[in-house]
Amino acid sequence: MQRRTNMTQTLIFIYALFIVVSLFLVVTCETRIPCVSRNDCPKRPYPLFMKCIDNFCEIWKIGKE
């Protein structure tokens, strides 16, 4: 019975570790869209717009800063 409990706890730990690592990888991965001018960037609904900065599209918000 003790062996089954230890194995269950080990599997739960591995499962939780897998979820945490997966979430970390999803959050840290960012999509960078290459561009030459602002016209190469995708259009966004108001109040957001895209700028071409250092040959990559970056999202900006129109409004008070």
PDB file of N, CA and C in Angstrom:
ATOM      1  N   MET A   1       0.816  -1.191   0.000  1.00  0.00           N
ATOM      2  CA  MET A   1       0.000   0.000   0.000  1.00  0.00           C
ATOM      3  C   MET A   1       0.865   1.263   0.000  1.00  0.00           C
ATOM      4  N   GLN A   2       1.960   1.227   0.746  1.00  0.00           N
ATOM      5  CA  GLN A   2       2.868   2.374   0.812  1.00  0.00           C
ATOM      6  C   GLN A   2       3.476   2.660  -0.549  1.00  0.00           C
ATOM      7  N   ARG A   3       3.809   1.619  -1.298  1.00  0.00           N
ATOM      8  CA  ARG A   3       4.417   1.793  -2.618  1.00  0.00           C
ATOM      9  C   ARG A   3       3.446   2.498  -3.569  1.00  0.00           C
ATOM     10  N   ARG A   4       2.170   2.131  -3.496  1.00  0.00           N
ATOM     11  CA  ARG A   4       1.160   2.737  -4.364  1.00  0.00           C
ATOM     12  C   ARG A   4       1.001   4.223  -4.035  1.00  0.00           C
ATOM     13  N   THR A   5       1.033   4.583  -2.769  1.00  0.00           N
ATOM     14  CA  THR A   5       0.911   5.983  -2.360  1.00  0.00           C
ATOM     15  C   THR A   5       2.104   6.795  -2.857  1.00  0.00           C
ATOM     16  N   ASN A   6       3.302   6.259  -2.719  1.00  0.00           N
ATOM     17  CA  ASN A   6       4.491   6.967  -3.193  1.00  0.00           C
ATOM     18  C   ASN A   6       4.466   7.138  -4.704  1.00  0.00           C
ATOM     19  N   MET A   7       4.021   6.111  -5.423  1.00  0.00           N
ATOM     20  CA  MET A   7       3.969   6.191  -6.874  1.00  0.00           C
ATOM     21  C   MET A   7       2.931   7.230  -7.313  1.00  0.00           C
ATOM     22  N   THR A   8       1.807   7.277  -6.619  1.00  0.00           N
ATOM     23  CA  THR A   8       0.771   8.257  -6.936  1.00  0.00           C
ATOM     24  C   THR A   8       1.280   9.677  -6.698  1.00  0.00           C
ATOM     25  N   GLN A   9       1.948   9.893  -5.587  1.00  0.00           N
ATOM     26  CA  GLN A   9       2.488  11.218  -5.294  1.00  0.00           C
ATOM     27  C   GLN A   9       3.546  11.623  -6.317  1.00  0.00           C
ATOM     28  N   THR A  10       4.350  10.680  -6.750  1.00  0.00           N
ATOM     29  CA  THR A  10       5.371  10.967  -7.763  1.00  0.00           C
ATOM     30  C   THR A  10       4.720  11.354  -9.081  1.00  0.00           C
ATOM     31  N   LEU A  11       3.692  10.620  -9.489  1.00  0.00           N
ATOM     32  CA  LEU A  11       3.002  10.940 -10.743  1.00  0.00           C
ATOM     33  C   LEU A  11       2.312  12.299 -10.672  1.00  0.00           C
ATOM     34  N   ILE A  12       1.703  12.609  -9.550  1.00  0.00           N
ATOM     35  CA  ILE A  12       1.056  13.917  -9.387  1.00  0.00           C
ATOM     36  C   ILE A  12       2.099  15.032  -9.449  1.00  0.00           C
ATOM     37  N   PHE A  13       3.245  14.836  -8.830  1.00  0.00           N
ATOM     38  CA  PHE A  13       4.316  15.832  -8.868  1.00  0.00           C
ATOM     39  C   PHE A  13       4.803  16.047 -10.300  1.00  0.00           C
ATOM     40  N   ILE A  14       5.021  14.963 -11.043  1.00  0.00           N
ATOM     41  CA  ILE A  14       5.481  15.072 -12.434  1.00  0.00           C
ATOM     42  C   ILE A  14       4.430  15.772 -13.285  1.00  0.00           C
ATOM     43  N   TYR A  15       3.165  15.435 -13.085  1.00  0.00           N
ATOM     44  CA  TYR A  15       2.081  16.071 -13.826  1.00  0.00           C
ATOM     45  C   TYR A  15       2.030  17.577 -13.538  1.00  0.00           C
ATOM     46  N   ALA A  16       2.124  17.961 -12.272  1.00  0.00           N
ATOM     47  CA  ALA A  16       2.101  19.378 -11.901  1.00  0.00           C
ATOM     48  C   ALA A  16       3.316  20.107 -12.466  1.00  0.00           C
ATOM     49  N   LEU A  17       4.474  19.471 -12.422  1.00  0.00           N
ATOM     50  CA  LEU A  17       5.688  20.069 -12.976  1.00  0.00           C
ATOM     51  C   LEU A  17       5.542  20.288 -14.481  1.00  0.00           C
ATOM     52  N   PHE A  18       4.964  19.323 -15.167  1.00  0.00           N
ATOM     53  CA  PHE A  18       4.736  19.440 -16.607  1.00  0.00           C
ATOM     54  C   PHE A  18       3.819  20.622 -16.919  1.00  0.00           C
ATOM     55  N   ILE A  19       2.766  20.799 -16.148  1.00  0.00           N
ATOM     56  CA  ILE A  19       1.840  21.919 -16.370  1.00  0.00           C
ATOM     57  C   ILE A  19       2.539  23.257 -16.140  1.00  0.00           C
ATOM     58  N   VAL A  20       3.309  23.376 -15.082  1.00  0.00           N
ATOM     59  CA  VAL A  20       4.007  24.634 -14.783  1.00  0.00           C
ATOM     60  C   VAL A  20       5.010  24.972 -15.878  1.00  0.00           C
ATOM     61  N   VAL A  21       5.779  23.990 -16.320  1.00  0.00           N
ATOM     62  CA  VAL A  21       6.769  24.230 -17.379  1.00  0.00           C
ATOM     63  C   VAL A  21       6.066  24.609 -18.676  1.00  0.00           C
ATOM     64  N   SER A  22       4.954  23.954 -18.999  1.00  0.00           N
ATOM     65  CA  SER A  22       4.205  24.278 -20.214  1.00  0.00           C
ATOM     66  C   SER A  22       3.692  25.712 -20.173  1.00  0.00           C
ATOM     67  N   LEU A  23       3.137  26.118 -19.044  1.00  0.00           N
ATOM     68  CA  LEU A  23       2.644  27.493 -18.916  1.00  0.00           C
ATOM     69  C   LEU A  23       3.776  28.499 -19.045  1.00  0.00           C
ATOM     70  N   PHE A  24       4.909  28.205 -18.459  1.00  0.00           N
ATOM     71  CA  PHE A  24       6.061  29.096 -18.554  1.00  0.00           C
ATOM     72  C   PHE A  24       6.496  29.255 -20.004  1.00  0.00           C
ATOM     73  N   LEU A  25       6.541  28.157 -20.755  1.00  0.00           N
ATOM     74  CA  LEU A  25       6.964  28.231 -22.151  1.00  0.00           C
ATOM     75  C   LEU A  25       5.970  29.001 -23.000  1.00  0.00           C
ATOM     76  N   VAL A  26       4.689  28.854 -22.730  1.00  0.00           N
ATOM     77  CA  VAL A  26       3.675  29.577 -23.498  1.00  0.00           C
ATOM     78  C   VAL A  26       3.771  31.066 -23.223  1.00  0.00           C
ATOM     79  N   VAL A  27       3.979  31.450 -21.991  1.00  0.00           N
ATOM     80  CA  VAL A  27       4.046  32.868 -21.632  1.00  0.00           C
ATOM     81  C   VAL A  27       5.306  33.522 -22.178  1.00  0.00           C
ATOM     82  N   THR A  28       6.420  32.827 -22.172  1.00  0.00           N
ATOM     83  CA  THR A  28       7.670  33.442 -22.595  1.00  0.00           C
ATOM     84  C   THR A  28       7.849  33.470 -24.104  1.00  0.00           C
ATOM     85  N   CYS A  29       7.099  32.663 -24.839  1.00  0.00           N
ATOM     86  CA  CYS A  29       7.215  32.675 -26.300  1.00  0.00           C
ATOM     87  C   CYS A  29       6.414  33.858 -26.835  1.00  0.00           C
ATOM     88  N   GLU A  30       7.027  34.677 -27.636  1.00  0.00           N
ATOM     89  CA  GLU A  30       6.324  35.799 -28.235  1.00  0.00           C
ATOM     90  C   GLU A  30       6.475  35.727 -29.747  1.00  0.00           C
ATOM     91  N   THR A  31       5.463  36.174 -30.427  1.00  0.00           N
ATOM     92  CA  THR A  31       5.485  36.175 -31.878  1.00  0.00           C
ATOM     93  C   THR A  31       5.985  37.529 -32.350  1.00  0.00           C
ATOM     94  N   ARG A  32       7.046  37.531 -33.107  1.00  0.00           N
ATOM     95  CA  ARG A  32       7.586  38.773 -33.649  1.00  0.00           C
ATOM     96  C   ARG A  32       7.347  38.765 -35.148  1.00  0.00           C
ATOM     97  N   ILE A  33       6.618  39.741 -35.630  1.00  0.00           N
ATOM     98  CA  ILE A  33       6.281  39.851 -37.042  1.00  0.00           C
ATOM     99  C   ILE A  33       7.285  40.790 -37.693  1.00  0.00           C
ATOM    100  N   PRO A  34       8.068  40.293 -38.649  1.00  0.00           N
ATOM    101  CA  PRO A  34       9.035  41.170 -39.314  1.00  0.00           C
ATOM    102  C   PRO A  34       8.325  42.184 -40.214  1.00  0.00           C
ATOM    103  N   CYS A  35       8.921  43.364 -40.361  1.00  0.00           N
ATOM    104  CA  CYS A  35       8.333  44.403 -41.203  1.00  0.00           C
ATOM    105  C   CYS A  35       9.427  45.327 -41.725  1.00  0.00           C
ATOM    106  N   VAL A  36       9.074  46.075 -42.763  1.00  0.00           N
ATOM    107  CA  VAL A  36       9.949  47.106 -43.310  1.00  0.00           C
ATOM    108  C   VAL A  36       9.326  48.474 -43.042  1.00  0.00           C
ATOM    109  N   SER A  37       7.996  48.546 -43.150  1.00  0.00           N
ATOM    110  CA  SER A  37       7.276  49.785 -42.867  1.00  0.00           C
ATOM    111  C   SER A  37       6.022  49.459 -42.059  1.00  0.00           C
ATOM    112  N   ARG A  38       5.331  50.486 -41.632  1.00  0.00           N
ATOM    113  CA  ARG A  38       4.115  50.298 -40.835  1.00  0.00           C
ATOM    114  C   ARG A  38       3.031  49.568 -41.618  1.00  0.00           C
ATOM    115  N   ASN A  39       3.049  49.694 -42.935  1.00  0.00           N
ATOM    116  CA  ASN A  39       2.047  49.037 -43.774  1.00  0.00           C
ATOM    117  C   ASN A  39       2.193  47.518 -43.783  1.00  0.00           C
ATOM    118  N   ASP A  40       3.355  47.001 -43.400  1.00  0.00           N
ATOM    119  CA  ASP A  40       3.568  45.552 -43.349  1.00  0.00           C
ATOM    120  C   ASP A  40       2.932  44.917 -42.110  1.00  0.00           C
ATOM    121  N   CYS A  41       2.601  45.722 -41.126  1.00  0.00           N
ATOM    122  CA  CYS A  41       2.041  45.203 -39.875  1.00  0.00           C
ATOM    123  C   CYS A  41       0.538  44.967 -40.020  1.00  0.00           C
ATOM    124  N   PRO A  42      -0.007  43.968 -39.301  1.00  0.00           N
ATOM    125  CA  PRO A  42      -1.448  43.715 -39.373  1.00  0.00           C
ATOM    126  C   PRO A  42      -2.245  44.864 -38.754  1.00  0.00           C
ATOM    127  N   LYS A  43      -3.446  45.051 -39.237  1.00  0.00           N
ATOM    128  CA  LYS A  43      -4.318  46.117 -38.731  1.00  0.00           C
ATOM    129  C   LYS A  43      -4.966  45.665 -37.429  1.00  0.00           C
ATOM    130  N   ARG A  44      -5.148  46.608 -36.501  1.00  0.00           N
ATOM    131  CA  ARG A  44      -5.763  46.344 -35.201  1.00  0.00           C
ATOM    132  C   ARG A  44      -6.953  47.276 -35.024  1.00  0.00           C
ATOM    133  N   PRO A  45      -7.975  46.842 -34.262  1.00  0.00           N
ATOM    134  CA  PRO A  45      -9.116  47.730 -34.014  1.00  0.00           C
ATOM    135  C   PRO A  45      -8.720  48.882 -33.092  1.00  0.00           C
ATOM    136  N   TYR A  46      -9.412  50.017 -33.263  1.00  0.00           N
ATOM    137  CA  TYR A  46      -9.172  51.190 -32.434  1.00  0.00           C
ATOM    138  C   TYR A  46      -9.388  50.811 -30.984  1.00  0.00           C
ATOM    139  N   PRO A  47      -8.627  51.190 -30.037  1.00  0.00           N
ATOM    140  CA  PRO A  47      -7.556  52.165 -29.936  1.00  0.00           C
ATOM    141  C   PRO A  47      -6.157  51.563 -30.090  1.00  0.00           C
ATOM    142  N   LEU A  48      -6.036  50.366 -30.624  1.00  0.00           N
ATOM    143  CA  LEU A  48      -4.728  49.742 -30.799  1.00  0.00           C
ATOM    144  C   LEU A  48      -4.224  49.958 -32.218  1.00  0.00           C
ATOM    145  N   PHE A  49      -2.912  50.054 -32.366  1.00  0.00           N
ATOM    146  CA  PHE A  49      -2.321  50.108 -33.697  1.00  0.00           C
ATOM    147  C   PHE A  49      -0.923  49.521 -33.634  1.00  0.00           C
ATOM    148  N   MET A  50      -0.386  49.165 -34.793  1.00  0.00           N
ATOM    149  CA  MET A  50       0.928  48.538 -34.878  1.00  0.00           C
ATOM    150  C   MET A  50       1.932  49.534 -35.438  1.00  0.00           C
ATOM    151  N   LYS A  51       3.139  49.515 -34.890  1.00  0.00           N
ATOM    152  CA  LYS A  51       4.257  50.313 -35.391  1.00  0.00           C
ATOM    153  C   LYS A  51       5.375  49.369 -35.801  1.00  0.00           C
ATOM    154  N   CYS A  52       6.140  49.775 -36.807  1.00  0.00           N
ATOM    155  CA  CYS A  52       7.311  49.013 -37.219  1.00  0.00           C
ATOM    156  C   CYS A  52       8.526  49.627 -36.520  1.00  0.00           C
ATOM    157  N   ILE A  53       9.049  48.923 -35.523  1.00  0.00           N
ATOM    158  CA  ILE A  53      10.194  49.407 -34.751  1.00  0.00           C
ATOM    159  C   ILE A  53      11.284  48.350 -34.795  1.00  0.00           C
ATOM    160  N   ASP A  54      12.460  48.742 -35.244  1.00  0.00           N
ATOM    161  CA  ASP A  54      13.603  47.825 -35.375  1.00  0.00           C
ATOM    162  C   ASP A  54      13.256  46.613 -36.238  1.00  0.00           C
ATOM    163  N   ASN A  55      12.512  46.860 -37.312  1.00  0.00           N
ATOM    164  CA  ASN A  55      12.112  45.838 -38.287  1.00  0.00           C
ATOM    165  C   ASN A  55      11.203  44.757 -37.715  1.00  0.00           C
ATOM    166  N   PHE A  56      10.474  45.065 -36.642  1.00  0.00           N
ATOM    167  CA  PHE A  56       9.469  44.162 -36.089  1.00  0.00           C
ATOM    168  C   PHE A  56       8.246  44.969 -35.696  1.00  0.00           C
ATOM    169  N   CYS A  57       7.053  44.382 -35.887  1.00  0.00           N
ATOM    170  CA  CYS A  57       5.807  45.051 -35.530  1.00  0.00           C
ATOM    171  C   CYS A  57       5.620  45.025 -34.017  1.00  0.00           C
ATOM    172  N   GLU A  58       5.248  46.180 -33.466  1.00  0.00           N
ATOM    173  CA  GLU A  58       4.948  46.282 -32.041  1.00  0.00           C
ATOM    174  C   GLU A  58       3.584  46.922 -31.884  1.00  0.00           C
ATOM    175  N   ILE A  59       2.820  46.445 -30.901  1.00  0.00           N
ATOM    176  CA  ILE A  59       1.468  46.957 -30.691  1.00  0.00           C
ATOM    177  C   ILE A  59       1.510  48.159 -29.741  1.00  0.00           C
ATOM    178  N   TRP A  60       0.730  49.181 -30.071  1.00  0.00           N
ATOM    179  CA  TRP A  60       0.658  50.404 -29.278  1.00  0.00           C
ATOM    180  C   TRP A  60      -0.802  50.739 -29.037  1.00  0.00           C
ATOM    181  N   LYS A  61      -1.054  51.532 -28.001  1.00  0.00           N
ATOM    182  CA  LYS A  61      -2.408  51.953 -27.674  1.00  0.00           C
ATOM    183  C   LYS A  61      -2.510  53.467 -27.808  1.00  0.00           C
ATOM    184  N   ILE A  62      -3.536  53.923 -28.506  1.00  0.00           N
ATOM    185  CA  ILE A  62      -3.788  55.355 -28.653  1.00  0.00           C
ATOM    186  C   ILE A  62      -4.503  55.825 -27.387  1.00  0.00           C
ATOM    187  N   GLY A  63      -4.061  56.932 -26.847  1.00  0.00           N
ATOM    188  CA  GLY A  63      -4.729  57.463 -25.665  1.00  0.00           C
ATOM    189  C   GLY A  63      -3.748  58.134 -24.736  1.00  0.00           C
ATOM    190  N   LYS A  64      -4.237  58.474 -23.563  1.00  0.00           N
ATOM    191  CA  LYS A  64      -3.401  59.145 -22.565  1.00  0.00           C
ATOM    192  C   LYS A  64      -2.366  58.174 -22.023  1.00  0.00           C
ATOM    193  N   GLU A  65      -1.177  58.672 -21.830  1.00  0.00           N
ATOM    194  CA  GLU A  65      -0.098  57.819 -21.324  1.00  0.00           C
ATOM    195  C   GLU A  65       0.472  58.384 -20.064  1.00  0.00           C
TER     196      GLU A  65
END
